[in-house]
């Protein structure tokens, strides 16, 4: 497993847990963090033993946005990673899930601050859990900046446009309950339990057929902007082969035998 000084990686069964680990800066994004994130997404994609990913933050915060000095590799953080960014100028966008979508489900476990770049990377995740005191928001406009991590495109596709525009144009903070009310997150749980809830959901995902899980996720995203006719055709093309897999047959046998299925990605 990889990881950097600002991004830890560990396994919880079939779940890869990526933890933003810069608590003294509310996990503001740094170059070491971005490198670790990208490597984590790649590790999950390439390891068939990984069936889900949980993204969380250390020290009671999720992510307070971008640290521009750290991203530039100034000071003590990031110098050793400049070659990675030079070799792949798109690395930071892949890390932020702007230009990369992992094939495994990504579940966000949010505590504390999830603002600016934190809310932007959140939009690249699939399932979202937040502690009741978590704070969300796209603060860029208040600083005369543009939320270029994908929010002007993605947010209006994930929540009603009126709410998306209010969040984008006011730059105000949102409580977890408000975020849930507009559909930005799916679960609000007691503070300190977001990770446990995310891991619970991950275990439910992990118990399902991995080929089916990955095909379903891919179908949802690739058909999102299609017409219904084109989307249904695309769904059939991607979904029908799943019925001919060994995993599908194992699922049927396990159901008939009243036992847990043992999937082998075949």
C-alpha atoms as a PDB file:
ATOM      1  CA  UNK A   1       0.000   0.000   0.000  1.00  0.00           C
ATOM      2  CA  UNK A   2       1.104   3.531  -0.747  1.00  0.00           C
ATOM      3  CA  UNK A   3       0.467   6.759   1.098  1.00  0.00           C
ATOM      4  CA  UNK A   4       2.410   9.925   1.832  1.00  0.00           C
ATOM      5  CA  UNK A   5       2.989  12.133   4.852  1.00  0.00           C
ATOM      6  CA  UNK A   6      -0.409  13.782   4.179  1.00  0.00           C
ATOM      7  CA  UNK A   7      -2.395  10.753   2.996  1.00  0.00           C
ATOM      8  CA  UNK A   8      -2.650   7.441   4.823  1.00  0.00           C
ATOM      9  CA  UNK A   9      -3.834   4.184   3.272  1.00  0.00           C
ATOM     10  CA  UNK A  10      -5.135   1.133   5.093  1.00  0.00           C
ATOM     11  CA  UNK A  11      -7.340  -1.864   4.457  1.00  0.00           C
ATOM     12  CA  UNK A  12     -10.569  -2.712   6.243  1.00  0.00           C
ATOM     13  CA  UNK A  13     -11.387  -6.082   4.718  1.00  0.00           C
ATOM     14  CA  UNK A  14     -12.193  -5.425   1.060  1.00  0.00           C
ATOM     15  CA  UNK A  15     -12.341  -1.646   1.617  1.00  0.00           C
ATOM     16  CA  UNK A  16      -9.432   0.685   0.942  1.00  0.00           C
ATOM     17  CA  UNK A  17      -9.553   3.593   3.404  1.00  0.00           C
ATOM     18  CA  UNK A  18      -7.860   6.796   2.261  1.00  0.00           C
ATOM     19  CA  UNK A  19      -7.426   9.377   5.022  1.00  0.00           C
ATOM     20  CA  UNK A  20      -6.522  13.007   4.364  1.00  0.00           C
ATOM     21  CA  UNK A  21      -3.908  13.431   7.072  1.00  0.00           C
ATOM     22  CA  UNK A  22      -2.977  17.039   7.677  1.00  0.00           C
ATOM     23  CA  UNK A  23      -5.107  17.825  10.721  1.00  0.00           C
ATOM     24  CA  UNK A  24      -3.098  20.877  11.763  1.00  0.00           C
ATOM     25  CA  UNK A  25      -4.346  22.561   8.555  1.00  0.00           C
ATOM     26  CA  UNK A  26      -7.854  21.030   8.607  1.00  0.00           C
ATOM     27  CA  UNK A  27      -6.575  18.698   5.885  1.00  0.00           C
ATOM     28  CA  UNK A  28      -6.060  21.466   3.353  1.00  0.00           C
ATOM     29  CA  UNK A  29      -4.941  19.943   0.074  1.00  0.00           C
ATOM     30  CA  UNK A  30      -1.183  19.744  -0.425  1.00  0.00           C
ATOM     31  CA  UNK A  31       0.975  18.219  -3.116  1.00  0.00           C
ATOM     32  CA  UNK A  32       1.850  15.187  -0.940  1.00  0.00           C
ATOM     33  CA  UNK A  33      -1.843  14.699  -0.276  1.00  0.00           C
ATOM     34  CA  UNK A  34      -2.764  14.894  -3.950  1.00  0.00           C
ATOM     35  CA  UNK A  35      -0.032  12.442  -4.933  1.00  0.00           C
ATOM     36  CA  UNK A  36      -1.224  10.042  -2.237  1.00  0.00           C
ATOM     37  CA  UNK A  37      -4.832  10.397  -3.338  1.00  0.00           C
ATOM     38  CA  UNK A  38      -4.072   9.682  -6.972  1.00  0.00           C
ATOM     39  CA  UNK A  39      -1.950   6.676  -6.043  1.00  0.00           C
ATOM     40  CA  UNK A  40      -4.800   5.454  -3.836  1.00  0.00           C
ATOM     41  CA  UNK A  41      -7.336   5.637  -6.660  1.00  0.00           C
ATOM     42  CA  UNK A  42      -4.943   3.730  -8.912  1.00  0.00           C
ATOM     43  CA  UNK A  43      -4.288   1.100  -6.253  1.00  0.00           C
ATOM     44  CA  UNK A  44      -8.012   0.516  -5.830  1.00  0.00           C
ATOM     45  CA  UNK A  45      -8.547   0.266  -9.584  1.00  0.00           C
ATOM     46  CA  UNK A  46      -5.744  -2.241 -10.055  1.00  0.00           C
ATOM     47  CA  UNK A  47      -6.372  -4.504  -7.057  1.00  0.00           C
ATOM     48  CA  UNK A  48      -9.336  -6.830  -7.533  1.00  0.00           C
ATOM     49  CA  UNK A  49      -9.319  -7.571  -3.803  1.00  0.00           C
ATOM     50  CA  UNK A  50     -10.498  -3.977  -3.235  1.00  0.00           C
ATOM     51  CA  UNK A  51     -14.243  -3.699  -3.707  1.00  0.00           C
ATOM     52  CA  UNK A  52     -14.910  -0.238  -2.272  1.00  0.00           C
ATOM     53  CA  UNK A  53     -13.098   2.908  -1.164  1.00  0.00           C
ATOM     54  CA  UNK A  54     -13.777   5.137   1.824  1.00  0.00           C
ATOM     55  CA  UNK A  55     -12.417   8.685   1.779  1.00  0.00           C
ATOM     56  CA  UNK A  56     -12.192  10.500   5.110  1.00  0.00           C
ATOM     57  CA  UNK A  57     -10.129  13.054   7.017  1.00  0.00           C
ATOM     58  CA  UNK A  58      -8.039  12.952  10.179  1.00  0.00           C
ATOM     59  CA  UNK A  59      -8.449  15.124  13.256  1.00  0.00           C
ATOM     60  CA  UNK A  60     -12.154  15.899  13.002  1.00  0.00           C
ATOM     61  CA  UNK A  61     -12.093  17.603   9.598  1.00  0.00           C
ATOM     62  CA  UNK A  62     -12.604  16.357   6.065  1.00  0.00           C
ATOM     63  CA  UNK A  63     -10.895  19.011   3.925  1.00  0.00           C
ATOM     64  CA  UNK A  64     -10.727  22.807   4.128  1.00  0.00           C
ATOM     65  CA  UNK A  65      -9.758  23.293   0.477  1.00  0.00           C
ATOM     66  CA  UNK A  66      -6.568  23.946  -1.394  1.00  0.00           C
ATOM     67  CA  UNK A  67      -3.317  25.106   0.191  1.00  0.00           C
ATOM     68  CA  UNK A  68      -1.814  26.941  -2.758  1.00  0.00           C
ATOM     69  CA  UNK A  69       1.649  27.287  -1.192  1.00  0.00           C
ATOM     70  CA  UNK A  70       1.796  23.580  -0.417  1.00  0.00           C
ATOM     71  CA  UNK A  71       0.550  22.684  -3.891  1.00  0.00           C
ATOM     72  CA  UNK A  72       3.360  24.737  -5.381  1.00  0.00           C
ATOM     73  CA  UNK A  73       5.807  22.682  -3.318  1.00  0.00           C
ATOM     74  CA  UNK A  74       7.044  25.659  -1.331  1.00  0.00           C
ATOM     75  CA  UNK A  75       8.518  25.264   2.129  1.00  0.00           C
ATOM     76  CA  UNK A  76       8.965  21.849   3.684  1.00  0.00           C
ATOM     77  CA  UNK A  77       6.031  20.102   2.031  1.00  0.00           C
ATOM     78  CA  UNK A  78       6.025  18.772  -1.498  1.00  0.00           C
ATOM     79  CA  UNK A  79       9.557  19.246  -2.770  1.00  0.00           C
ATOM     80  CA  UNK A  80      10.107  15.531  -3.335  1.00  0.00           C
ATOM     81  CA  UNK A  81       6.860  15.272  -5.349  1.00  0.00           C
ATOM     82  CA  UNK A  82       7.531  17.988  -7.914  1.00  0.00           C
ATOM     83  CA  UNK A  83       8.805  15.433 -10.407  1.00  0.00           C
ATOM     84  CA  UNK A  84       5.503  13.548 -10.190  1.00  0.00           C
ATOM     85  CA  UNK A  85       3.549  16.673 -11.029  1.00  0.00           C
ATOM     86  CA  UNK A  86       5.966  17.580 -13.814  1.00  0.00           C
ATOM     87  CA  UNK A  87       5.685  14.105 -15.324  1.00  0.00           C
ATOM     88  CA  UNK A  88       1.873  14.200 -15.129  1.00  0.00           C
ATOM     89  CA  UNK A  89       0.530  17.789 -15.154  1.00  0.00           C
ATOM     90  CA  UNK A  90      -2.979  16.337 -14.838  1.00  0.00           C
ATOM     91  CA  UNK A  91      -2.192  14.490 -11.610  1.00  0.00           C
ATOM     92  CA  UNK A  92      -3.900  16.974  -9.298  1.00  0.00           C
ATOM     93  CA  UNK A  93      -7.136  16.888 -11.308  1.00  0.00           C
ATOM     94  CA  UNK A  94      -7.104  13.079 -11.230  1.00  0.00           C
ATOM     95  CA  UNK A  95      -6.497  13.157  -7.483  1.00  0.00           C
ATOM     96  CA  UNK A  96      -9.473  15.474  -7.010  1.00  0.00           C
ATOM     97  CA  UNK A  97     -11.673  13.118  -9.075  1.00  0.00           C
ATOM     98  CA  UNK A  98     -12.127  15.801 -11.718  1.00  0.00           C
ATOM     99  CA  UNK A  99     -10.380  13.847 -14.468  1.00  0.00           C
ATOM    100  CA  UNK A 100     -10.561  10.347 -13.015  1.00  0.00           C
ATOM    101  CA  UNK A 101     -13.410   8.162 -11.822  1.00  0.00           C
ATOM    102  CA  UNK A 102     -12.442   5.020  -9.890  1.00  0.00           C
ATOM    103  CA  UNK A 103     -14.311   1.934 -11.043  1.00  0.00           C
ATOM    104  CA  UNK A 104     -14.951   0.944  -7.417  1.00  0.00           C
ATOM    105  CA  UNK A 105     -17.583   2.850  -5.371  1.00  0.00           C
ATOM    106  CA  UNK A 106     -16.188   5.756  -3.345  1.00  0.00           C
ATOM    107  CA  UNK A 107     -17.893   6.544  -0.035  1.00  0.00           C
ATOM    108  CA  UNK A 108     -17.129   9.849   1.696  1.00  0.00           C
ATOM    109  CA  UNK A 109     -17.055   9.989   5.504  1.00  0.00           C
ATOM    110  CA  UNK A 110     -17.190  13.673   6.446  1.00  0.00           C
ATOM    111  CA  UNK A 111     -16.579  15.281   9.817  1.00  0.00           C
ATOM    112  CA  UNK A 112     -16.011  18.984  10.456  1.00  0.00           C
ATOM    113  CA  UNK A 113     -14.938  21.217   7.589  1.00  0.00           C
ATOM    114  CA  UNK A 114     -15.720  20.072   4.048  1.00  0.00           C
ATOM    115  CA  UNK A 115     -15.466  23.366   2.211  1.00  0.00           C
ATOM    116  CA  UNK A 116     -14.073  24.849  -1.014  1.00  0.00           C
ATOM    117  CA  UNK A 117     -11.887  22.086  -2.490  1.00  0.00           C
ATOM    118  CA  UNK A 118     -13.362  19.714   0.085  1.00  0.00           C
ATOM    119  CA  UNK A 119     -16.866  20.204  -1.312  1.00  0.00           C
ATOM    120  CA  UNK A 120     -15.424  19.898  -4.813  1.00  0.00           C
ATOM    121  CA  UNK A 121     -13.790  16.521  -4.248  1.00  0.00           C
ATOM    122  CA  UNK A 122     -16.956  15.429  -2.442  1.00  0.00           C
ATOM    123  CA  UNK A 123     -18.823  15.768  -5.746  1.00  0.00           C
ATOM    124  CA  UNK A 124     -16.553  13.101  -7.237  1.00  0.00           C
ATOM    125  CA  UNK A 125     -17.606  10.544  -4.613  1.00  0.00           C
ATOM    126  CA  UNK A 126     -20.570   8.204  -4.985  1.00  0.00           C
ATOM    127  CA  UNK A 127     -22.100   7.843  -1.505  1.00  0.00           C
ATOM    128  CA  UNK A 128     -21.763  10.474   1.241  1.00  0.00           C
ATOM    129  CA  UNK A 129     -22.053  10.368   5.015  1.00  0.00           C
ATOM    130  CA  UNK A 130     -21.577  13.356   7.325  1.00  0.00           C
ATOM    131  CA  UNK A 131     -21.400  14.013  11.038  1.00  0.00           C
ATOM    132  CA  UNK A 132     -24.131  16.353  12.228  1.00  0.00           C
ATOM    133  CA  UNK A 133     -21.699  19.245  12.878  1.00  0.00           C
ATOM    134  CA  UNK A 134     -20.044  19.038   9.447  1.00  0.00           C
ATOM    135  CA  UNK A 135     -19.881  22.215   7.370  1.00  0.00           C
ATOM    136  CA  UNK A 136     -20.070  22.398   3.573  1.00  0.00           C
ATOM    137  CA  UNK A 137     -19.708  25.216   1.070  1.00  0.00           C
ATOM    138  CA  UNK A 138     -17.967  26.590  -1.989  1.00  0.00           C
ATOM    139  CA  UNK A 139     -16.218  29.671  -0.603  1.00  0.00           C
ATOM    140  CA  UNK A 140     -14.239  30.546  -3.736  1.00  0.00           C
ATOM    141  CA  UNK A 141     -16.550  33.321  -4.952  1.00  0.00           C
ATOM    142  CA  UNK A 142     -16.106  35.181  -1.642  1.00  0.00           C
ATOM    143  CA  UNK A 143     -12.385  35.324  -2.368  1.00  0.00           C
ATOM    144  CA  UNK A 144     -12.835  36.412  -5.963  1.00  0.00           C
ATOM    145  CA  UNK A 145     -11.945  32.915  -7.158  1.00  0.00           C
ATOM    146  CA  UNK A 146     -13.576  30.313  -9.385  1.00  0.00           C
ATOM    147  CA  UNK A 147     -14.403  26.776  -8.098  1.00  0.00           C
ATOM    148  CA  UNK A 148     -12.534  25.115 -10.919  1.00  0.00           C
ATOM    149  CA  UNK A 149     -12.570  21.620  -9.443  1.00  0.00           C
ATOM    150  CA  UNK A 150     -15.728  20.853 -11.417  1.00  0.00           C
ATOM    151  CA  UNK A 151     -18.458  22.430  -9.293  1.00  0.00           C
ATOM    152  CA  UNK A 152     -20.064  24.649 -11.946  1.00  0.00           C
ATOM    153  CA  UNK A 153     -20.617  21.513 -14.013  1.00  0.00           C
ATOM    154  CA  UNK A 154     -21.262  18.775 -11.469  1.00  0.00           C
ATOM    155  CA  UNK A 155     -23.214  20.481  -8.724  1.00  0.00           C
ATOM    156  CA  UNK A 156     -26.234  21.363 -10.877  1.00  0.00           C
ATOM    157  CA  UNK A 157     -26.360  17.719 -12.004  1.00  0.00           C
ATOM    158  CA  UNK A 158     -26.355  16.423  -8.438  1.00  0.00           C
ATOM    159  CA  UNK A 159     -28.732  18.844  -6.701  1.00  0.00           C
ATOM    160  CA  UNK A 160     -31.492  21.159  -7.967  1.00  0.00           C
ATOM    161  CA  UNK A 161     -30.067  24.071  -9.958  1.00  0.00           C
ATOM    162  CA  UNK A 162     -31.513  26.729  -7.668  1.00  0.00           C
ATOM    163  CA  UNK A 163     -29.603  25.229  -4.732  1.00  0.00           C
ATOM    164  CA  UNK A 164     -26.479  24.749  -6.828  1.00  0.00           C
ATOM    165  CA  UNK A 165     -26.480  28.393  -7.887  1.00  0.00           C
ATOM    166  CA  UNK A 166     -27.118  29.623  -4.368  1.00  0.00           C
ATOM    167  CA  UNK A 167     -24.168  27.596  -3.068  1.00  0.00           C
ATOM    168  CA  UNK A 168     -21.916  28.721  -5.913  1.00  0.00           C
ATOM    169  CA  UNK A 169     -22.890  32.410  -5.934  1.00  0.00           C
ATOM    170  CA  UNK A 170     -23.174  33.163  -2.221  1.00  0.00           C
ATOM    171  CA  UNK A 171     -20.211  31.166  -0.951  1.00  0.00           C
ATOM    172  CA  UNK A 172     -22.050  30.672   2.330  1.00  0.00           C
ATOM    173  CA  UNK A 173     -21.584  27.706   4.678  1.00  0.00           C
ATOM    174  CA  UNK A 174     -24.143  24.909   4.805  1.00  0.00           C
ATOM    175  CA  UNK A 175     -24.875  22.678   7.765  1.00  0.00           C
ATOM    176  CA  UNK A 176     -25.002  18.915   7.358  1.00  0.00           C
ATOM    177  CA  UNK A 177     -28.780  19.004   7.669  1.00  0.00           C
ATOM    178  CA  UNK A 178     -29.007  21.632   4.922  1.00  0.00           C
ATOM    179  CA  UNK A 179     -26.658  19.623   2.727  1.00  0.00           C
ATOM    180  CA  UNK A 180     -28.799  16.535   3.229  1.00  0.00           C
ATOM    181  CA  UNK A 181     -31.955  18.532   2.542  1.00  0.00           C
ATOM    182  CA  UNK A 182     -30.735  19.584  -0.902  1.00  0.00           C
ATOM    183  CA  UNK A 183     -29.371  16.140  -1.699  1.00  0.00           C
ATOM    184  CA  UNK A 184     -25.637  16.834  -1.486  1.00  0.00           C
ATOM    185  CA  UNK A 185     -25.153  14.112   1.143  1.00  0.00           C
ATOM    186  CA  UNK A 186     -27.143  11.007   1.912  1.00  0.00           C
ATOM    187  CA  UNK A 187     -26.710  10.369   5.656  1.00  0.00           C
ATOM    188  CA  UNK A 188     -26.340  12.607   8.698  1.00  0.00           C
ATOM    189  CA  UNK A 189     -25.028  10.729  11.734  1.00  0.00           C
ATOM    190  CA  UNK A 190     -23.820  11.691  15.219  1.00  0.00           C
ATOM    191  CA  UNK A 191     -20.455  13.431  15.268  1.00  0.00           C
ATOM    192  CA  UNK A 192     -17.548  11.039  15.284  1.00  0.00           C
ATOM    193  CA  UNK A 193     -19.470   8.188  13.646  1.00  0.00           C
ATOM    194  CA  UNK A 194     -19.305   9.110   9.956  1.00  0.00           C
ATOM    195  CA  UNK A 195     -16.419   6.724   9.279  1.00  0.00           C
ATOM    196  CA  UNK A 196     -18.175   3.844  11.022  1.00  0.00           C
ATOM    197  CA  UNK A 197     -21.327   4.450   8.966  1.00  0.00           C
ATOM    198  CA  UNK A 198     -19.302   4.695   5.748  1.00  0.00           C
ATOM    199  CA  UNK A 199     -17.556   1.411   6.541  1.00  0.00           C
ATOM    200  CA  UNK A 200     -20.935  -0.176   7.256  1.00  0.00           C
ATOM    201  CA  UNK A 201     -22.171   0.895   3.820  1.00  0.00           C
ATOM    202  CA  UNK A 202     -18.916  -0.257   2.253  1.00  0.00           C
ATOM    203  CA  UNK A 203     -19.370  -3.710   3.783  1.00  0.00           C
ATOM    204  CA  UNK A 204     -22.839  -3.902   2.273  1.00  0.00           C
ATOM    205  CA  UNK A 205     -21.346  -3.035  -1.125  1.00  0.00           C
ATOM    206  CA  UNK A 206     -18.517  -5.538  -0.613  1.00  0.00           C
ATOM    207  CA  UNK A 207     -21.002  -8.350  -0.029  1.00  0.00           C
ATOM    208  CA  UNK A 208     -22.488  -7.840  -3.503  1.00  0.00           C
ATOM    209  CA  UNK A 209     -21.202  -9.159  -6.813  1.00  0.00           C
ATOM    210  CA  UNK A 210     -18.149  -7.021  -7.676  1.00  0.00           C
ATOM    211  CA  UNK A 211     -18.629  -7.242 -11.447  1.00  0.00           C
ATOM    212  CA  UNK A 212     -22.243  -6.174 -11.045  1.00  0.00           C
ATOM    213  CA  UNK A 213     -21.288  -3.324  -8.687  1.00  0.00           C
ATOM    214  CA  UNK A 214     -18.715  -1.921 -11.101  1.00  0.00           C
ATOM    215  CA  UNK A 215     -21.017  -2.269 -14.122  1.00  0.00           C
ATOM    216  CA  UNK A 216     -23.887  -0.572 -12.298  1.00  0.00           C
ATOM    217  CA  UNK A 217     -21.710   2.355 -11.241  1.00  0.00           C
ATOM    218  CA  UNK A 218     -20.332   2.749 -14.757  1.00  0.00           C
ATOM    219  CA  UNK A 219     -23.824   2.625 -16.274  1.00  0.00           C
ATOM    220  CA  UNK A 220     -25.194   5.278 -13.922  1.00  0.00           C
ATOM    221  CA  UNK A 221     -22.485   7.761 -14.879  1.00  0.00           C
ATOM    222  CA  UNK A 222     -22.241   7.050 -18.596  1.00  0.00           C
ATOM    223  CA  UNK A 223     -26.011   7.309 -19.113  1.00  0.00           C
ATOM    224  CA  UNK A 224     -26.532  10.413 -16.964  1.00  0.00           C
ATOM    225  CA  UNK A 225     -26.621  12.858 -19.870  1.00  0.00           C
ATOM    226  CA  UNK A 226     -28.061  10.503 -22.511  1.00  0.00           C
ATOM    227  CA  UNK A 227     -31.619  10.501 -23.767  1.00  0.00           C
ATOM    228  CA  UNK A 228     -33.747   7.781 -22.219  1.00  0.00           C
ATOM    229  CA  UNK A 229     -33.626   5.772 -25.439  1.00  0.00           C
ATOM    230  CA  UNK A 230     -29.831   5.969 -25.709  1.00  0.00           C
ATOM    231  CA  UNK A 231     -29.434   5.348 -21.996  1.00  0.00           C
ATOM    232  CA  UNK A 232     -31.542   2.198 -22.059  1.00  0.00           C
ATOM    233  CA  UNK A 233     -29.562   0.883 -25.014  1.00  0.00           C
ATOM    234  CA  UNK A 234     -26.298   1.608 -23.204  1.00  0.00           C
ATOM    235  CA  UNK A 235     -27.564  -0.027 -20.030  1.00  0.00           C
ATOM    236  CA  UNK A 236     -28.508  -3.194 -21.911  1.00  0.00           C
ATOM    237  CA  UNK A 237     -25.104  -3.353 -23.593  1.00  0.00           C
ATOM    238  CA  UNK A 238     -23.260  -3.045 -20.290  1.00  0.00           C
ATOM    239  CA  UNK A 239     -25.636  -4.962 -18.065  1.00  0.00           C
ATOM    240  CA  UNK A 240     -26.638  -7.991 -20.112  1.00  0.00           C
ATOM    241  CA  UNK A 241     -23.173  -9.662 -20.090  1.00  0.00           C
ATOM    242  CA  UNK A 242     -23.250  -9.665 -16.278  1.00  0.00           C
ATOM    243  CA  UNK A 243     -25.955 -12.335 -16.381  1.00  0.00           C
ATOM    244  CA  UNK A 244     -23.532 -14.720 -18.093  1.00  0.00           C
ATOM    245  CA  UNK A 245     -20.802 -14.455 -15.446  1.00  0.00           C
ATOM    246  CA  UNK A 246     -19.842 -17.083 -12.903  1.00  0.00           C
ATOM    247  CA  UNK A 247     -20.578 -14.506 -10.202  1.00  0.00           C
ATOM    248  CA  UNK A 248     -24.194 -14.219 -11.381  1.00  0.00           C
ATOM    249  CA  UNK A 249     -24.586 -17.989 -11.291  1.00  0.00           C
ATOM    250  CA  UNK A 250     -23.008 -18.094  -7.824  1.00  0.00           C
ATOM    251  CA  UNK A 251     -25.442 -15.416  -6.632  1.00  0.00           C
ATOM    252  CA  UNK A 252     -28.403 -17.491  -7.826  1.00  0.00           C
ATOM    253  CA  UNK A 253     -27.054 -20.675  -6.232  1.00  0.00           C
ATOM    254  CA  UNK A 254     -26.341 -18.931  -2.945  1.00  0.00           C
ATOM    255  CA  UNK A 255     -29.862 -17.508  -2.858  1.00  0.00           C
ATOM    256  CA  UNK A 256     -31.340 -20.946  -3.487  1.00  0.00           C
ATOM    257  CA  UNK A 257     -29.083 -22.519  -0.852  1.00  0.00           C
ATOM    258  CA  UNK A 258     -29.798 -19.750   1.670  1.00  0.00           C
ATOM    259  CA  UNK A 259     -26.092 -19.028   2.179  1.00  0.00           C
ATOM    260  CA  UNK A 260     -23.785 -16.045   1.613  1.00  0.00           C
ATOM    261  CA  UNK A 261     -22.411 -15.966  -1.945  1.00  0.00           C
ATOM    262  CA  UNK A 262     -18.689 -16.337  -2.641  1.00  0.00           C
ATOM    263  CA  UNK A 263     -17.858 -14.109  -5.589  1.00  0.00           C
ATOM    264  CA  UNK A 264     -14.660 -14.523  -7.608  1.00  0.00           C
ATOM    265  CA  UNK A 265     -14.942 -11.724 -10.199  1.00  0.00           C
ATOM    266  CA  UNK A 266     -15.524 -14.227 -12.982  1.00  0.00           C
END
